[in-house]
C-alpha cells in the first residue's frame, strides 16, 4: 500500500464490498476453550494452521 497510499480509500471500499458479497474469503484455524490456547499457539508457531489462528473462549 505504501506506493499507492492515494488509493487507500478505493481499496477499503472495494475490498469491503467483496468481503460482504463473499467474493473473497479469509481462512482461519479455530480452537475452542482457553485450555486449548497453548496448543493452538504452538500449532501456529509450527506452521500447522491456515490463515488466522483464533481461540474462542467460553
N, C-alpha and C. Protein backbone atom coordinates (compact mmCIF):
# COMPACT_ATOMS: atom_id res chain seq x y z
N UNK A 1 0.81 -1.20 0.00
CA UNK A 1 0.00 0.00 0.00
C UNK A 1 0.85 1.26 0.00
N UNK A 2 2.07 1.19 0.50
CA UNK A 2 2.89 2.39 0.61
C UNK A 2 3.05 3.13 -0.70
N UNK A 3 3.17 2.39 -1.78
CA UNK A 3 3.34 3.02 -3.08
C UNK A 3 2.05 3.59 -3.66
N UNK A 4 0.92 3.21 -3.06
CA UNK A 4 -0.38 3.63 -3.60
C UNK A 4 -1.29 4.18 -2.49
N UNK A 5 -0.70 4.90 -1.56
CA UNK A 5 -1.47 5.44 -0.43
C UNK A 5 -2.62 6.32 -0.90
N UNK A 6 -2.46 6.95 -2.03
CA UNK A 6 -3.51 7.82 -2.55
C UNK A 6 -4.76 7.04 -2.96
N UNK A 7 -4.65 5.70 -3.07
CA UNK A 7 -5.79 4.88 -3.46
C UNK A 7 -6.34 4.06 -2.30
N UNK A 8 -5.90 4.36 -1.08
CA UNK A 8 -6.31 3.59 0.10
C UNK A 8 -7.83 3.57 0.26
N UNK A 9 -8.49 4.68 0.08
CA UNK A 9 -9.95 4.71 0.25
C UNK A 9 -10.64 3.84 -0.80
N UNK A 10 -10.10 3.79 -2.02
CA UNK A 10 -10.65 2.91 -3.06
C UNK A 10 -10.52 1.45 -2.63
N UNK A 11 -9.35 1.09 -2.10
CA UNK A 11 -9.12 -0.29 -1.67
C UNK A 11 -10.07 -0.69 -0.55
N UNK A 12 -10.22 0.17 0.43
CA UNK A 12 -11.12 -0.14 1.55
C UNK A 12 -12.54 -0.32 1.04
N UNK A 13 -13.00 0.54 0.18
CA UNK A 13 -14.36 0.46 -0.35
C UNK A 13 -14.55 -0.83 -1.16
N UNK A 14 -13.63 -1.11 -2.07
CA UNK A 14 -13.78 -2.29 -2.93
C UNK A 14 -13.61 -3.59 -2.16
N UNK A 15 -12.59 -3.67 -1.31
CA UNK A 15 -12.38 -4.90 -0.55
C UNK A 15 -13.54 -5.14 0.42
N UNK A 16 -14.04 -4.09 1.03
CA UNK A 16 -15.18 -4.23 1.94
C UNK A 16 -16.39 -4.81 1.22
N UNK A 17 -16.64 -4.31 0.03
CA UNK A 17 -17.78 -4.82 -0.75
C UNK A 17 -17.56 -6.28 -1.12
N UNK A 18 -16.34 -6.62 -1.55
CA UNK A 18 -16.06 -8.01 -1.93
C UNK A 18 -16.19 -8.95 -0.73
N UNK A 19 -15.76 -8.51 0.44
CA UNK A 19 -15.92 -9.34 1.65
C UNK A 19 -17.39 -9.53 1.98
N UNK A 20 -18.17 -8.44 1.95
CA UNK A 20 -19.61 -8.54 2.25
C UNK A 20 -20.31 -9.45 1.25
N UNK A 21 -19.92 -9.39 -0.01
CA UNK A 21 -20.56 -10.20 -1.05
C UNK A 21 -19.98 -11.62 -1.12
N UNK A 22 -19.03 -11.91 -0.26
CA UNK A 22 -18.35 -13.21 -0.20
C UNK A 22 -17.67 -13.59 -1.52
N UNK A 23 -17.22 -12.55 -2.24
CA UNK A 23 -16.44 -12.79 -3.45
C UNK A 23 -15.02 -13.20 -3.09
N UNK A 24 -14.58 -12.79 -1.92
CA UNK A 24 -13.30 -13.25 -1.37
C UNK A 24 -13.56 -13.68 0.07
N UNK A 25 -12.79 -14.61 0.53
CA UNK A 25 -12.95 -15.10 1.90
C UNK A 25 -11.59 -15.13 2.58
N UNK A 26 -11.63 -15.21 3.89
CA UNK A 26 -10.41 -15.33 4.68
C UNK A 26 -10.44 -16.69 5.36
N UNK A 27 -9.30 -17.35 5.39
CA UNK A 27 -9.22 -18.64 6.04
C UNK A 27 -8.78 -18.46 7.49
N UNK A 28 -9.31 -19.30 8.36
CA UNK A 28 -8.98 -19.24 9.78
C UNK A 28 -8.87 -20.66 10.33
N UNK A 29 -8.05 -20.80 11.33
CA UNK A 29 -8.00 -22.03 12.12
C UNK A 29 -8.59 -21.66 13.47
N UNK A 30 -9.56 -22.41 13.92
CA UNK A 30 -10.28 -22.06 15.15
C UNK A 30 -10.14 -23.17 16.18
N UNK A 31 -9.78 -22.76 17.39
CA UNK A 31 -9.75 -23.67 18.53
C UNK A 31 -10.81 -23.27 19.52
N UNK A 32 -11.15 -24.17 20.40
CA UNK A 32 -12.20 -23.88 21.38
C UNK A 32 -11.66 -24.00 22.79
N UNK A 33 -11.89 -23.00 23.60
CA UNK A 33 -11.58 -23.06 25.02
C UNK A 33 -10.18 -22.58 25.38
N UNK A 34 -10.12 -21.88 26.50
CA UNK A 34 -8.86 -21.34 27.00
C UNK A 34 -7.84 -22.45 27.26
N UNK A 35 -8.32 -23.62 27.68
CA UNK A 35 -7.42 -24.73 27.95
C UNK A 35 -6.66 -25.19 26.71
N UNK A 36 -7.18 -24.88 25.53
CA UNK A 36 -6.52 -25.27 24.28
C UNK A 36 -5.65 -24.16 23.68
N UNK A 37 -5.59 -23.01 24.34
CA UNK A 37 -4.82 -21.88 23.81
C UNK A 37 -3.32 -22.20 23.68
N UNK A 38 -2.70 -22.85 24.67
CA UNK A 38 -1.26 -23.14 24.50
C UNK A 38 -0.98 -24.02 23.27
N UNK A 39 -1.76 -25.05 23.07
CA UNK A 39 -1.55 -25.93 21.92
C UNK A 39 -1.85 -25.19 20.62
N UNK A 40 -2.85 -24.31 20.63
CA UNK A 40 -3.16 -23.52 19.44
C UNK A 40 -1.98 -22.62 19.09
N UNK A 41 -1.38 -22.02 20.10
CA UNK A 41 -0.22 -21.15 19.87
C UNK A 41 0.94 -21.96 19.29
N UNK A 42 1.20 -23.11 19.87
CA UNK A 42 2.29 -23.96 19.38
C UNK A 42 2.04 -24.42 17.95
N UNK A 43 0.81 -24.80 17.64
CA UNK A 43 0.46 -25.21 16.28
C UNK A 43 0.71 -24.07 15.31
N UNK A 44 0.37 -22.85 15.72
CA UNK A 44 0.59 -21.69 14.87
C UNK A 44 2.09 -21.50 14.63
N UNK A 45 2.89 -21.63 15.68
CA UNK A 45 4.33 -21.45 15.56
C UNK A 45 4.98 -22.55 14.71
N UNK A 46 4.39 -23.74 14.72
CA UNK A 46 4.91 -24.84 13.92
C UNK A 46 4.45 -24.77 12.46
N UNK A 47 3.57 -23.82 12.14
CA UNK A 47 3.07 -23.69 10.78
C UNK A 47 1.97 -24.67 10.44
N UNK A 48 1.27 -25.15 11.45
CA UNK A 48 0.22 -26.15 11.23
C UNK A 48 -1.17 -25.54 11.07
N UNK A 49 -1.26 -24.24 11.03
CA UNK A 49 -2.55 -23.57 10.93
C UNK A 49 -2.71 -22.95 9.55
N UNK A 50 -3.94 -22.60 9.22
CA UNK A 50 -4.25 -21.93 7.96
C UNK A 50 -4.82 -20.57 8.30
N UNK A 51 -4.27 -19.53 7.71
CA UNK A 51 -4.78 -18.18 7.95
C UNK A 51 -4.60 -17.74 9.39
N UNK A 52 -5.58 -17.05 9.90
CA UNK A 52 -5.56 -16.52 11.24
C UNK A 52 -5.86 -17.63 12.25
N UNK A 53 -5.16 -17.64 13.38
CA UNK A 53 -5.44 -18.59 14.46
C UNK A 53 -6.33 -17.89 15.48
N UNK A 54 -7.48 -18.49 15.74
CA UNK A 54 -8.45 -17.92 16.67
C UNK A 54 -8.77 -18.97 17.73
N UNK A 55 -8.82 -18.54 18.99
CA UNK A 55 -9.27 -19.42 20.06
C UNK A 55 -10.50 -18.79 20.67
N UNK A 56 -11.64 -19.46 20.55
CA UNK A 56 -12.87 -18.97 21.16
C UNK A 56 -12.83 -19.30 22.65
N UNK A 57 -13.06 -18.31 23.46
CA UNK A 57 -13.09 -18.50 24.91
C UNK A 57 -14.53 -18.72 25.35
N UNK A 58 -14.73 -19.66 26.23
CA UNK A 58 -16.09 -19.98 26.71
C UNK A 58 -16.59 -18.93 27.66
